[in-house]
C-alpha cells in the first residue's frame, strides 16, 4: 500500500448543478489536511479500484477540508459514474497529497478563463487573488445556468465584481474574449481550464492578441486525438529492472510498461494512461526514457530521472526504475 495516501471522510456531498456533485473531504481522524496552493489537484481512489484526479476548488487558506467537483461524463471510463453512484456522505476514501502543475504566477494582472467543470481550479485561484488584493478577472462559460457549479460562491460580494458569467443559451451574456485581451495590461497571466474545444478557442484568441506563450497557462483534463500518445512502428521491446529487488521484466513492443508490469505482478497506480496526470510518475535510476507525456516539463524530460510509464517507453535496452 502507498504510505503517502491519506484517508478522508466524505463530510458533505451536494448536487451542485446538473450532472455535477461536490464532495467535501475531511481528514478521517480529524485535524488538518496538507496545505495546498491554487491549481493543485489530488488523486481520488474510487470504489472499484479506479484512480482519478480532481482539482481542489476550495479556499486554500482552509486545510480542515478539501472541496472537489465531479462531472458525470457521458463517455466515462467508470470514474465519474462511480463517484456519482457509489460515494455517499461519511464514506471513507483515500486520496494522495495535493500536487500542482498549474500554479499561479505573481503578475500585475490575472485573467482566468473557465469552461464548464474547468471552473474548479480557477475558483480556487480567484479566492486567493481576491484575498491578496490582486488584480484579476474570472470568466466562466457554460452551456446553461443549470450546468454551472459554484454560482453562489461566484456571486458573493467579494468575488462578484471580478466575475463574468457566460451561457450558450443566453446570447446577451456572450464573452467577447478579443476585447478582454485587448485591454489586458502588459504582464497579465492567462489561465485556462475546460473542454478541449474551449481551450483551443482561448489559445487561438490569446495568440492572435499577441500574448506570449510564457504568459499562457493550461490545465487539460484530456488530450485530443492529435496529442494522444500512440504506439509507433519504431517501438521495440526492452527490459525494466526494479532497483529494490533486481528483478528484470520484459516489456513487449506493443504493450505499455504499466500494463506489462501489472501482468507480471508489479502494480504501478495509473489513471489517465495518456501522460497528463502524473499518477504513475516513477523515478528512473538508470537508462534513458522515451518521454511521451505532457505532464513533465522540457527541463524535467532532459533530466531523465523520472517518467510516466503509462505511455512512455525506453531509448535504451533497459531502464532501472526506483521501485
C-alpha atoms as a PDB file:
ATOM      1  CA  UNK A   1       0.000   0.000   0.000  1.00  0.00           C
ATOM      2  CA  UNK A   2       1.157   3.547  -0.746  1.00  0.00           C
ATOM      3  CA  UNK A   3       2.009   5.026   2.664  1.00  0.00           C
ATOM      4  CA  UNK A   4       1.603   8.553   1.326  1.00  0.00           C
ATOM      5  CA  UNK A   5      -2.127   8.098   0.879  1.00  0.00           C
ATOM      6  CA  UNK A   6      -4.461  10.000   3.192  1.00  0.00           C
ATOM      7  CA  UNK A   7      -7.715   8.536   4.492  1.00  0.00           C
ATOM      8  CA  UNK A   8     -10.524  11.074   4.357  1.00  0.00           C
ATOM      9  CA  UNK A   9     -14.196  11.103   5.260  1.00  0.00           C
ATOM     10  CA  UNK A  10     -16.861  12.496   2.959  1.00  0.00           C
ATOM     11  CA  UNK A  11     -18.018  15.264   5.294  1.00  0.00           C
ATOM     12  CA  UNK A  12     -20.593  16.560   2.827  1.00  0.00           C
ATOM     13  CA  UNK A  13     -21.992  15.645  -0.559  1.00  0.00           C
ATOM     14  CA  UNK A  14     -24.121  18.020  -2.603  1.00  0.00           C
ATOM     15  CA  UNK A  15     -25.540  18.051  -6.126  1.00  0.00           C
ATOM     16  CA  UNK A  16     -24.180  21.430  -7.217  1.00  0.00           C
ATOM     17  CA  UNK A  17     -25.561  21.511 -10.763  1.00  0.00           C
ATOM     18  CA  UNK A  18     -26.874  19.182 -13.444  1.00  0.00           C
ATOM     19  CA  UNK A  19     -24.525  16.164 -13.542  1.00  0.00           C
ATOM     20  CA  UNK A  20     -22.113  17.735 -11.020  1.00  0.00           C
ATOM     21  CA  UNK A  21     -21.601  16.519  -7.471  1.00  0.00           C
ATOM     22  CA  UNK A  22     -19.431  18.384  -4.970  1.00  0.00           C
ATOM     23  CA  UNK A  23     -17.650  16.481  -2.213  1.00  0.00           C
ATOM     24  CA  UNK A  24     -16.221  17.973   0.966  1.00  0.00           C
ATOM     25  CA  UNK A  25     -13.397  15.774   2.254  1.00  0.00           C
ATOM     26  CA  UNK A  26     -12.094  15.922   5.841  1.00  0.00           C
ATOM     27  CA  UNK A  27      -9.275  14.012   7.495  1.00  0.00           C
ATOM     28  CA  UNK A  28     -10.729  10.748   8.818  1.00  0.00           C
ATOM     29  CA  UNK A  29      -9.101  11.213  12.220  1.00  0.00           C
ATOM     30  CA  UNK A  30      -9.745  14.946  12.364  1.00  0.00           C
ATOM     31  CA  UNK A  31      -7.137  17.667  12.199  1.00  0.00           C
ATOM     32  CA  UNK A  32      -5.616  19.452   9.246  1.00  0.00           C
ATOM     33  CA  UNK A  33      -5.036  18.151   5.746  1.00  0.00           C
ATOM     34  CA  UNK A  34      -1.822  19.052   3.889  1.00  0.00           C
ATOM     35  CA  UNK A  35      -1.642  22.671   2.775  1.00  0.00           C
ATOM     36  CA  UNK A  36      -2.101  23.384  -0.916  1.00  0.00           C
ATOM     37  CA  UNK A  37      -1.816  26.255  -3.371  1.00  0.00           C
ATOM     38  CA  UNK A  38      -4.293  27.296  -6.088  1.00  0.00           C
ATOM     39  CA  UNK A  39      -4.174  24.995  -9.112  1.00  0.00           C
ATOM     40  CA  UNK A  40      -3.451  21.861  -7.071  1.00  0.00           C
ATOM     41  CA  UNK A  41      -5.216  18.555  -7.579  1.00  0.00           C
ATOM     42  CA  UNK A  42      -5.467  15.255  -5.738  1.00  0.00           C
ATOM     43  CA  UNK A  43      -5.739  11.635  -6.797  1.00  0.00           C
ATOM     44  CA  UNK A  44      -9.027  10.208  -5.543  1.00  0.00           C
ATOM     45  CA  UNK A  45      -9.148   6.435  -5.101  1.00  0.00           C
ATOM     46  CA  UNK A  46     -12.673   5.461  -6.088  1.00  0.00           C
ATOM     47  CA  UNK A  47     -14.753   2.364  -5.357  1.00  0.00           C
ATOM     48  CA  UNK A  48     -13.787  -0.402  -7.749  1.00  0.00           C
ATOM     49  CA  UNK A  49     -10.063   0.389  -7.693  1.00  0.00           C
ATOM     50  CA  UNK A  50     -10.151   3.352 -10.075  1.00  0.00           C
ATOM     51  CA  UNK A  51      -7.982   6.440  -9.550  1.00  0.00           C
ATOM     52  CA  UNK A  52      -8.972   9.834 -10.896  1.00  0.00           C
ATOM     53  CA  UNK A  53      -7.646  13.378 -10.496  1.00  0.00           C
ATOM     54  CA  UNK A  54      -9.754  16.283  -9.284  1.00  0.00           C
ATOM     55  CA  UNK A  55      -8.749  19.907  -8.822  1.00  0.00           C
ATOM     56  CA  UNK A  56      -9.173  21.458  -5.391  1.00  0.00           C
ATOM     57  CA  UNK A  57     -11.857  24.112  -5.661  1.00  0.00           C
ATOM     58  CA  UNK A  58     -11.968  25.465  -2.128  1.00  0.00           C
ATOM     59  CA  UNK A  59     -10.217  28.275  -0.303  1.00  0.00           C
ATOM     60  CA  UNK A  60      -6.544  27.305   0.053  1.00  0.00           C
ATOM     61  CA  UNK A  61      -6.448  29.158   3.383  1.00  0.00           C
ATOM     62  CA  UNK A  62      -8.564  26.320   4.802  1.00  0.00           C
ATOM     63  CA  UNK A  63      -6.925  22.968   5.492  1.00  0.00           C
ATOM     64  CA  UNK A  64      -9.723  21.369   7.508  1.00  0.00           C
ATOM     65  CA  UNK A  65     -11.483  20.290   4.309  1.00  0.00           C
ATOM     66  CA  UNK A  66     -10.833  19.810   0.617  1.00  0.00           C
ATOM     67  CA  UNK A  67     -13.587  20.525  -1.890  1.00  0.00           C
ATOM     68  CA  UNK A  68     -13.791  18.826  -5.285  1.00  0.00           C
ATOM     69  CA  UNK A  69     -16.419  18.849  -8.029  1.00  0.00           C
ATOM     70  CA  UNK A  70     -17.038  15.808 -10.216  1.00  0.00           C
ATOM     71  CA  UNK A  71     -18.809  15.961 -13.559  1.00  0.00           C
ATOM     72  CA  UNK A  72     -20.637  12.850 -14.677  1.00  0.00           C
ATOM     73  CA  UNK A  73     -19.101  12.244 -18.093  1.00  0.00           C
ATOM     74  CA  UNK A  74     -21.230  10.610 -20.822  1.00  0.00           C
ATOM     75  CA  UNK A  75     -18.140   8.800 -22.146  1.00  0.00           C
ATOM     76  CA  UNK A  76     -16.786   7.969 -18.693  1.00  0.00           C
ATOM     77  CA  UNK A  77     -14.369   5.070 -18.282  1.00  0.00           C
ATOM     78  CA  UNK A  78     -16.108   4.405 -14.967  1.00  0.00           C
ATOM     79  CA  UNK A  79     -14.610   7.006 -12.655  1.00  0.00           C
ATOM     80  CA  UNK A  80     -17.268   9.684 -12.737  1.00  0.00           C
ATOM     81  CA  UNK A  81     -20.057   7.104 -12.637  1.00  0.00           C
ATOM     82  CA  UNK A  82     -18.516   5.520  -9.530  1.00  0.00           C
ATOM     83  CA  UNK A  83     -18.208   8.915  -7.885  1.00  0.00           C
ATOM     84  CA  UNK A  84     -21.827   9.831  -8.599  1.00  0.00           C
ATOM     85  CA  UNK A  85     -23.452   6.499  -7.820  1.00  0.00           C
ATOM     86  CA  UNK A  86     -21.320   4.928  -5.122  1.00  0.00           C
ATOM     87  CA  UNK A  87     -19.872   7.682  -2.932  1.00  0.00           C
ATOM     88  CA  UNK A  88     -22.067   8.823  -0.054  1.00  0.00           C
ATOM     89  CA  UNK A  89     -21.703  11.076   2.949  1.00  0.00           C
ATOM     90  CA  UNK A  90     -19.492   9.619   5.723  1.00  0.00           C
ATOM     91  CA  UNK A  91     -17.792   7.169   3.340  1.00  0.00           C
ATOM     92  CA  UNK A  92     -14.062   6.707   3.906  1.00  0.00           C
ATOM     93  CA  UNK A  93     -11.856   7.232   0.850  1.00  0.00           C
ATOM     94  CA  UNK A  94      -8.161   7.534   0.138  1.00  0.00           C
ATOM     95  CA  UNK A  95      -6.519  10.458  -1.589  1.00  0.00           C
ATOM     96  CA  UNK A  96      -2.984  11.489  -2.481  1.00  0.00           C
ATOM     97  CA  UNK A  97      -1.383  14.626  -1.074  1.00  0.00           C
ATOM     98  CA  UNK A  98      -2.020  17.631  -3.347  1.00  0.00           C
ATOM     99  CA  UNK A  99       0.162  18.079  -6.438  1.00  0.00           C
ATOM    100  CA  UNK A 100       0.369  21.229  -8.516  1.00  0.00           C
ATOM    101  CA  UNK A 101       1.270  21.591 -12.195  1.00  0.00           C
ATOM    102  CA  UNK A 102      -0.959  24.647 -12.681  1.00  0.00           C
ATOM    103  CA  UNK A 103       0.342  27.242 -10.203  1.00  0.00           C
ATOM    104  CA  UNK A 104      -0.432  30.924 -10.007  1.00  0.00           C
ATOM    105  CA  UNK A 105       2.394  33.215 -11.123  1.00  0.00           C
ATOM    106  CA  UNK A 106       2.880  36.643  -9.499  1.00  0.00           C
ATOM    107  CA  UNK A 107       1.734  39.211 -12.051  1.00  0.00           C
ATOM    108  CA  UNK A 108       0.216  42.691 -12.384  1.00  0.00           C
ATOM    109  CA  UNK A 109      -2.990  41.050 -13.551  1.00  0.00           C
ATOM    110  CA  UNK A 110      -4.517  37.588 -13.993  1.00  0.00           C
ATOM    111  CA  UNK A 111      -7.167  36.518 -16.498  1.00  0.00           C
ATOM    112  CA  UNK A 112      -8.948  33.293 -15.508  1.00  0.00           C
ATOM    113  CA  UNK A 113     -10.938  31.554 -18.243  1.00  0.00           C
ATOM    114  CA  UNK A 114     -13.092  28.597 -17.221  1.00  0.00           C
ATOM    115  CA  UNK A 115     -15.184  26.342 -19.414  1.00  0.00           C
ATOM    116  CA  UNK A 116     -17.686  24.038 -17.684  1.00  0.00           C
ATOM    117  CA  UNK A 117     -16.154  21.910 -14.943  1.00  0.00           C
ATOM    118  CA  UNK A 118     -12.859  23.695 -15.618  1.00  0.00           C
ATOM    119  CA  UNK A 119     -14.019  26.308 -13.127  1.00  0.00           C
ATOM    120  CA  UNK A 120     -12.772  24.155 -10.228  1.00  0.00           C
ATOM    121  CA  UNK A 121      -9.074  25.171 -10.118  1.00  0.00           C
ATOM    122  CA  UNK A 122      -9.872  28.704 -11.279  1.00  0.00           C
ATOM    123  CA  UNK A 123     -12.325  29.298  -8.438  1.00  0.00           C
ATOM    124  CA  UNK A 124      -9.539  28.443  -6.013  1.00  0.00           C
ATOM    125  CA  UNK A 125      -7.256  30.897  -7.834  1.00  0.00           C
ATOM    126  CA  UNK A 126      -9.917  33.613  -7.705  1.00  0.00           C
ATOM    127  CA  UNK A 127     -10.367  33.196  -3.948  1.00  0.00           C
ATOM    128  CA  UNK A 128      -6.619  33.505  -3.395  1.00  0.00           C
ATOM    129  CA  UNK A 129      -6.214  36.512  -5.683  1.00  0.00           C
ATOM    130  CA  UNK A 130      -9.149  38.261  -4.018  1.00  0.00           C
ATOM    131  CA  UNK A 131      -7.732  37.578  -0.563  1.00  0.00           C
ATOM    132  CA  UNK A 132      -4.381  39.014  -1.676  1.00  0.00           C
ATOM    133  CA  UNK A 133      -5.973  42.119  -3.153  1.00  0.00           C
ATOM    134  CA  UNK A 134      -4.578  41.246  -6.588  1.00  0.00           C
ATOM    135  CA  UNK A 135      -5.999  42.407  -9.920  1.00  0.00           C
ATOM    136  CA  UNK A 136      -7.862  39.632 -11.753  1.00  0.00           C
ATOM    137  CA  UNK A 137     -10.959  38.735 -13.693  1.00  0.00           C
ATOM    138  CA  UNK A 138     -12.647  35.350 -13.989  1.00  0.00           C
ATOM    139  CA  UNK A 139     -14.810  34.478 -16.997  1.00  0.00           C
ATOM    140  CA  UNK A 140     -16.917  31.343 -16.550  1.00  0.00           C
ATOM    141  CA  UNK A 141     -18.518  29.905 -19.701  1.00  0.00           C
ATOM    142  CA  UNK A 142     -21.067  27.106 -19.559  1.00  0.00           C
ATOM    143  CA  UNK A 143     -23.818  25.649 -21.716  1.00  0.00           C
ATOM    144  CA  UNK A 144     -26.610  26.655 -19.345  1.00  0.00           C
ATOM    145  CA  UNK A 145     -27.011  28.003 -15.823  1.00  0.00           C
ATOM    146  CA  UNK A 146     -28.367  24.624 -14.784  1.00  0.00           C
ATOM    147  CA  UNK A 147     -24.987  23.060 -15.603  1.00  0.00           C
ATOM    148  CA  UNK A 148     -22.900  25.725 -13.835  1.00  0.00           C
ATOM    149  CA  UNK A 149     -21.466  24.872 -10.430  1.00  0.00           C
ATOM    150  CA  UNK A 150     -20.441  27.328  -7.695  1.00  0.00           C
ATOM    151  CA  UNK A 151     -22.711  30.148  -8.860  1.00  0.00           C
ATOM    152  CA  UNK A 152     -23.445  31.097  -5.238  1.00  0.00           C
ATOM    153  CA  UNK A 153     -19.738  31.364  -4.430  1.00  0.00           C
ATOM    154  CA  UNK A 154     -19.073  33.431  -7.546  1.00  0.00           C
ATOM    155  CA  UNK A 155     -21.965  35.755  -6.709  1.00  0.00           C
ATOM    156  CA  UNK A 156     -20.604  36.510  -3.223  1.00  0.00           C
ATOM    157  CA  UNK A 157     -19.824  40.223  -2.763  1.00  0.00           C
ATOM    158  CA  UNK A 158     -16.078  39.642  -2.544  1.00  0.00           C
ATOM    159  CA  UNK A 159     -15.922  37.948  -5.962  1.00  0.00           C
ATOM    160  CA  UNK A 160     -18.900  39.205  -7.956  1.00  0.00           C
ATOM    161  CA  UNK A 161     -17.154  42.338  -9.249  1.00  0.00           C
ATOM    162  CA  UNK A 162     -14.359  40.183 -10.677  1.00  0.00           C
ATOM    163  CA  UNK A 163     -16.586  37.576 -12.363  1.00  0.00           C
ATOM    164  CA  UNK A 164     -18.258  37.365 -15.750  1.00  0.00           C
ATOM    165  CA  UNK A 165     -20.793  34.598 -16.435  1.00  0.00           C
ATOM    166  CA  UNK A 166     -21.425  33.417 -19.982  1.00  0.00           C
ATOM    167  CA  UNK A 167     -24.052  30.881 -21.083  1.00  0.00           C
ATOM    168  CA  UNK A 168     -24.550  29.405 -24.536  1.00  0.00           C
ATOM    169  CA  UNK A 169     -28.344  29.696 -24.296  1.00  0.00           C
ATOM    170  CA  UNK A 170     -28.216  33.359 -23.179  1.00  0.00           C
ATOM    171  CA  UNK A 171     -26.827  35.292 -26.174  1.00  0.00           C
ATOM    172  CA  UNK A 172     -26.640  38.574 -24.243  1.00  0.00           C
ATOM    173  CA  UNK A 173     -24.020  37.024 -21.941  1.00  0.00           C
ATOM    174  CA  UNK A 174     -21.612  36.043 -24.731  1.00  0.00           C
ATOM    175  CA  UNK A 175     -17.931  36.558 -23.905  1.00  0.00           C
ATOM    176  CA  UNK A 176     -16.006  38.952 -26.159  1.00  0.00           C
ATOM    177  CA  UNK A 177     -12.603  37.469 -25.445  1.00  0.00           C
ATOM    178  CA  UNK A 178     -10.813  39.520 -28.098  1.00  0.00           C
ATOM    179  CA  UNK A 179     -11.986  42.701 -26.403  1.00  0.00           C
ATOM    180  CA  UNK A 180     -10.964  41.391 -22.993  1.00  0.00           C
ATOM    181  CA  UNK A 181      -7.484  40.563 -24.249  1.00  0.00           C
ATOM    182  CA  UNK A 182      -7.168  43.918 -25.969  1.00  0.00           C
ATOM    183  CA  UNK A 183      -7.455  45.784 -22.659  1.00  0.00           C
ATOM    184  CA  UNK A 184      -5.294  43.397 -20.606  1.00  0.00           C
ATOM    185  CA  UNK A 185      -2.369  45.238 -19.084  1.00  0.00           C
ATOM    186  CA  UNK A 186       1.181  44.192 -20.013  1.00  0.00           C
ATOM    187  CA  UNK A 187       2.371  41.240 -17.972  1.00  0.00           C
ATOM    188  CA  UNK A 188      -1.095  39.770 -17.481  1.00  0.00           C
ATOM    189  CA  UNK A 189      -1.053  35.996 -16.992  1.00  0.00           C
ATOM    190  CA  UNK A 190      -3.803  33.907 -18.594  1.00  0.00           C
ATOM    191  CA  UNK A 191      -5.086  30.658 -17.068  1.00  0.00           C
ATOM    192  CA  UNK A 192      -7.485  28.397 -18.949  1.00  0.00           C
ATOM    193  CA  UNK A 193      -9.166  25.141 -17.995  1.00  0.00           C
ATOM    194  CA  UNK A 194     -12.096  23.344 -19.573  1.00  0.00           C
ATOM    195  CA  UNK A 195     -13.096  21.150 -22.523  1.00  0.00           C
ATOM    196  CA  UNK A 196     -10.598  20.738 -25.352  1.00  0.00           C
ATOM    197  CA  UNK A 197     -12.603  22.859 -27.789  1.00  0.00           C
ATOM    198  CA  UNK A 198     -12.822  25.692 -25.278  1.00  0.00           C
ATOM    199  CA  UNK A 199      -9.102  25.569 -24.576  1.00  0.00           C
ATOM    200  CA  UNK A 200      -8.301  25.612 -28.291  1.00  0.00           C
ATOM    201  CA  UNK A 201     -10.567  28.657 -28.761  1.00  0.00           C
ATOM    202  CA  UNK A 202      -8.905  30.541 -25.908  1.00  0.00           C
ATOM    203  CA  UNK A 203      -5.414  29.686 -27.141  1.00  0.00           C
ATOM    204  CA  UNK A 204      -6.275  30.906 -30.628  1.00  0.00           C
ATOM    205  CA  UNK A 205      -7.603  34.201 -29.293  1.00  0.00           C
ATOM    206  CA  UNK A 206      -4.666  34.719 -26.943  1.00  0.00           C
ATOM    207  CA  UNK A 207      -2.082  34.073 -29.646  1.00  0.00           C
ATOM    208  CA  UNK A 208      -3.920  36.300 -32.105  1.00  0.00           C
ATOM    209  CA  UNK A 209      -3.771  39.046 -29.482  1.00  0.00           C
ATOM    210  CA  UNK A 210      -0.002  38.626 -29.254  1.00  0.00           C
ATOM    211  CA  UNK A 211       0.085  37.211 -25.756  1.00  0.00           C
ATOM    212  CA  UNK A 212       3.449  35.455 -25.188  1.00  0.00           C
ATOM    213  CA  UNK A 213       3.380  31.696 -24.680  1.00  0.00           C
ATOM    214  CA  UNK A 214       5.101  32.137 -21.307  1.00  0.00           C
ATOM    215  CA  UNK A 215       2.026  34.021 -20.069  1.00  0.00           C
ATOM    216  CA  UNK A 216      -0.452  31.277 -21.051  1.00  0.00           C
ATOM    217  CA  UNK A 217      -1.127  28.501 -18.533  1.00  0.00           C
ATOM    218  CA  UNK A 218      -3.276  25.468 -19.368  1.00  0.00           C
ATOM    219  CA  UNK A 219      -4.879  22.706 -17.338  1.00  0.00           C
ATOM    220  CA  UNK A 220      -6.181  19.847 -19.506  1.00  0.00           C
ATOM    221  CA  UNK A 221      -8.453  17.025 -18.386  1.00  0.00           C
ATOM    222  CA  UNK A 222      -7.776  15.046 -21.578  1.00  0.00           C
ATOM    223  CA  UNK A 223      -5.810  15.165 -24.829  1.00  0.00           C
ATOM    224  CA  UNK A 224      -7.229  15.424 -28.312  1.00  0.00           C
ATOM    225  CA  UNK A 225      -6.538  12.699 -30.851  1.00  0.00           C
ATOM    226  CA  UNK A 226      -3.545  14.505 -32.361  1.00  0.00           C
ATOM    227  CA  UNK A 227      -1.811  14.865 -28.989  1.00  0.00           C
ATOM    228  CA  UNK A 228      -2.610  11.450 -27.512  1.00  0.00           C
ATOM    229  CA  UNK A 229       0.485   9.184 -27.299  1.00  0.00           C
ATOM    230  CA  UNK A 230       0.109   6.135 -29.544  1.00  0.00           C
ATOM    231  CA  UNK A 231       2.335   3.145 -30.386  1.00  0.00           C
ATOM    232  CA  UNK A 232       4.546   3.519 -33.454  1.00  0.00           C
ATOM    233  CA  UNK A 233       6.118   1.064 -35.881  1.00  0.00           C
ATOM    234  CA  UNK A 234       9.507   2.012 -34.426  1.00  0.00           C
ATOM    235  CA  UNK A 235       8.600   0.781 -30.946  1.00  0.00           C
ATOM    236  CA  UNK A 236      10.764  -2.128 -29.814  1.00  0.00           C
ATOM    237  CA  UNK A 237      10.847  -4.458 -26.841  1.00  0.00           C
ATOM    238  CA  UNK A 238      13.061  -3.579 -23.876  1.00  0.00           C
ATOM    239  CA  UNK A 239      13.533  -4.524 -20.233  1.00  0.00           C
ATOM    240  CA  UNK A 240      12.676  -2.903 -16.924  1.00  0.00           C
ATOM    241  CA  UNK A 241      14.577  -3.701 -13.743  1.00  0.00           C
ATOM    242  CA  UNK A 242      13.350  -2.926 -10.222  1.00  0.00           C
ATOM    243  CA  UNK A 243      16.079  -1.191  -8.226  1.00  0.00           C
ATOM    244  CA  UNK A 244      14.772  -2.602  -4.928  1.00  0.00           C
ATOM    245  CA  UNK A 245      14.908  -6.301  -5.866  1.00  0.00           C
ATOM    246  CA  UNK A 246      16.955  -6.538  -9.061  1.00  0.00           C
ATOM    247  CA  UNK A 247      14.095  -8.331 -10.818  1.00  0.00           C
ATOM    248  CA  UNK A 248      14.031  -7.858 -14.591  1.00  0.00           C
ATOM    249  CA  UNK A 249      10.848  -7.806 -16.665  1.00  0.00           C
ATOM    250  CA  UNK A 250      10.343  -7.861 -20.414  1.00  0.00           C
ATOM    251  CA  UNK A 251       8.262  -5.073 -21.951  1.00  0.00           C
ATOM    252  CA  UNK A 252       6.866  -6.058 -25.380  1.00  0.00           C
ATOM    253  CA  UNK A 253       6.951  -3.614 -28.272  1.00  0.00           C
ATOM    254  CA  UNK A 254       3.165  -3.373 -28.366  1.00  0.00           C
ATOM    255  CA  UNK A 255       2.384  -3.071 -24.633  1.00  0.00           C
ATOM    256  CA  UNK A 256       2.772  -0.242 -22.141  1.00  0.00           C
ATOM    257  CA  UNK A 257       5.156  -0.547 -19.221  1.00  0.00           C
ATOM    258  CA  UNK A 258       2.374  -0.314 -16.644  1.00  0.00           C
ATOM    259  CA  UNK A 259       0.320  -2.967 -18.400  1.00  0.00           C
ATOM    260  CA  UNK A 260       3.251  -5.346 -18.854  1.00  0.00           C
ATOM    261  CA  UNK A 261       4.405  -4.956 -15.245  1.00  0.00           C
ATOM    262  CA  UNK A 262       0.884  -5.364 -13.884  1.00  0.00           C
ATOM    263  CA  UNK A 263       0.516  -8.593 -15.878  1.00  0.00           C
ATOM    264  CA  UNK A 264       3.735  -9.810 -14.259  1.00  0.00           C
ATOM    265  CA  UNK A 265       2.712  -8.904 -10.711  1.00  0.00           C
ATOM    266  CA  UNK A 266       4.146  -5.382 -10.326  1.00  0.00           C
ATOM    267  CA  UNK A 267       1.477  -2.713  -9.850  1.00  0.00           C
ATOM    268  CA  UNK A 268       2.011   0.973 -10.610  1.00  0.00           C
ATOM    269  CA  UNK A 269      -1.074   3.156  -9.978  1.00  0.00           C
ATOM    270  CA  UNK A 270      -2.399   4.670 -13.206  1.00  0.00           C
ATOM    271  CA  UNK A 271      -5.294   6.920 -14.081  1.00  0.00           C
ATOM    272  CA  UNK A 272      -5.266   8.882 -17.343  1.00  0.00           C
ATOM    273  CA  UNK A 273      -2.977   6.459 -19.272  1.00  0.00           C
ATOM    274  CA  UNK A 274      -2.127   9.440 -21.504  1.00  0.00           C
ATOM    275  CA  UNK A 275       0.709  11.063 -19.580  1.00  0.00           C
ATOM    276  CA  UNK A 276      -1.195  14.128 -18.391  1.00  0.00           C
ATOM    277  CA  UNK A 277      -1.975  13.467 -14.713  1.00  0.00           C
ATOM    278  CA  UNK A 278       1.246  12.287 -13.036  1.00  0.00           C
ATOM    279  CA  UNK A 279      -0.365   9.481 -11.024  1.00  0.00           C
ATOM    280  CA  UNK A 280       2.100   6.900 -12.341  1.00  0.00           C
ATOM    281  CA  UNK A 281       5.195   9.142 -12.110  1.00  0.00           C
ATOM    282  CA  UNK A 282       8.167   6.876 -11.368  1.00  0.00           C
ATOM    283  CA  UNK A 283      11.832   7.541 -10.670  1.00  0.00           C
ATOM    284  CA  UNK A 284      14.479   6.370 -13.156  1.00  0.00           C
ATOM    285  CA  UNK A 285      17.769   5.163 -11.656  1.00  0.00           C
ATOM    286  CA  UNK A 286      19.487   4.101 -14.861  1.00  0.00           C
ATOM    287  CA  UNK A 287      18.754   4.246 -18.591  1.00  0.00           C
ATOM    288  CA  UNK A 288      17.098   6.864 -20.787  1.00  0.00           C
ATOM    289  CA  UNK A 289      13.302   7.065 -21.075  1.00  0.00           C
ATOM    290  CA  UNK A 290      11.476   7.872 -24.275  1.00  0.00           C
ATOM    291  CA  UNK A 291       9.212  10.559 -22.837  1.00  0.00           C
ATOM    292  CA  UNK A 292       5.741  10.721 -24.395  1.00  0.00           C
ATOM    293  CA  UNK A 293       3.876  12.635 -21.709  1.00  0.00           C
ATOM    294  CA  UNK A 294       2.702  16.209 -21.382  1.00  0.00           C
ATOM    295  CA  UNK A 295       2.899  16.193 -17.578  1.00  0.00           C
ATOM    296  CA  UNK A 296       6.627  16.836 -17.159  1.00  0.00           C
ATOM    297  CA  UNK A 297       8.345  19.990 -18.356  1.00  0.00           C
ATOM    298  CA  UNK A 298      11.063  20.030 -21.009  1.00  0.00           C
ATOM    299  CA  UNK A 299      13.638  20.513 -18.249  1.00  0.00           C
ATOM    300  CA  UNK A 300      12.275  17.516 -16.338  1.00  0.00           C
ATOM    301  CA  UNK A 301      12.379  15.433 -19.515  1.00  0.00           C
ATOM    302  CA  UNK A 302      16.016  16.401 -20.052  1.00  0.00           C
ATOM    303  CA  UNK A 303      16.941  15.304 -16.516  1.00  0.00           C
ATOM    304  CA  UNK A 304      15.739  11.742 -17.305  1.00  0.00           C
ATOM    305  CA  UNK A 305      15.369  10.905 -13.600  1.00  0.00           C
ATOM    306  CA  UNK A 306      11.598  10.333 -13.703  1.00  0.00           C
ATOM    307  CA  UNK A 307       8.991   9.455 -16.295  1.00  0.00           C
ATOM    308  CA  UNK A 308       5.391   8.369 -16.850  1.00  0.00           C
ATOM    309  CA  UNK A 309       5.360   4.605 -17.570  1.00  0.00           C
ATOM    310  CA  UNK A 310       1.701   4.625 -18.632  1.00  0.00           C
ATOM    311  CA  UNK A 311       2.659   5.969 -22.062  1.00  0.00           C
ATOM    312  CA  UNK A 312       6.434   6.474 -22.199  1.00  0.00           C
ATOM    313  CA  UNK A 313       8.967   3.867 -23.283  1.00  0.00           C
ATOM    314  CA  UNK A 314      12.762   3.466 -23.345  1.00  0.00           C
ATOM    315  CA  UNK A 315      15.574   4.729 -25.572  1.00  0.00           C
ATOM    316  CA  UNK A 316      17.987   2.238 -24.027  1.00  0.00           C
ATOM    317  CA  UNK A 317      17.715  -1.568 -23.867  1.00  0.00           C
ATOM    318  CA  UNK A 318      16.955  -1.406 -20.137  1.00  0.00           C
ATOM    319  CA  UNK A 319      15.508   1.010 -17.633  1.00  0.00           C
ATOM    320  CA  UNK A 320      16.213   0.616 -13.931  1.00  0.00           C
ATOM    321  CA  UNK A 321      13.264   2.061 -12.024  1.00  0.00           C
ATOM    322  CA  UNK A 322      13.071   3.342  -8.475  1.00  0.00           C
ATOM    323  CA  UNK A 323      10.628   0.614  -7.459  1.00  0.00           C
END
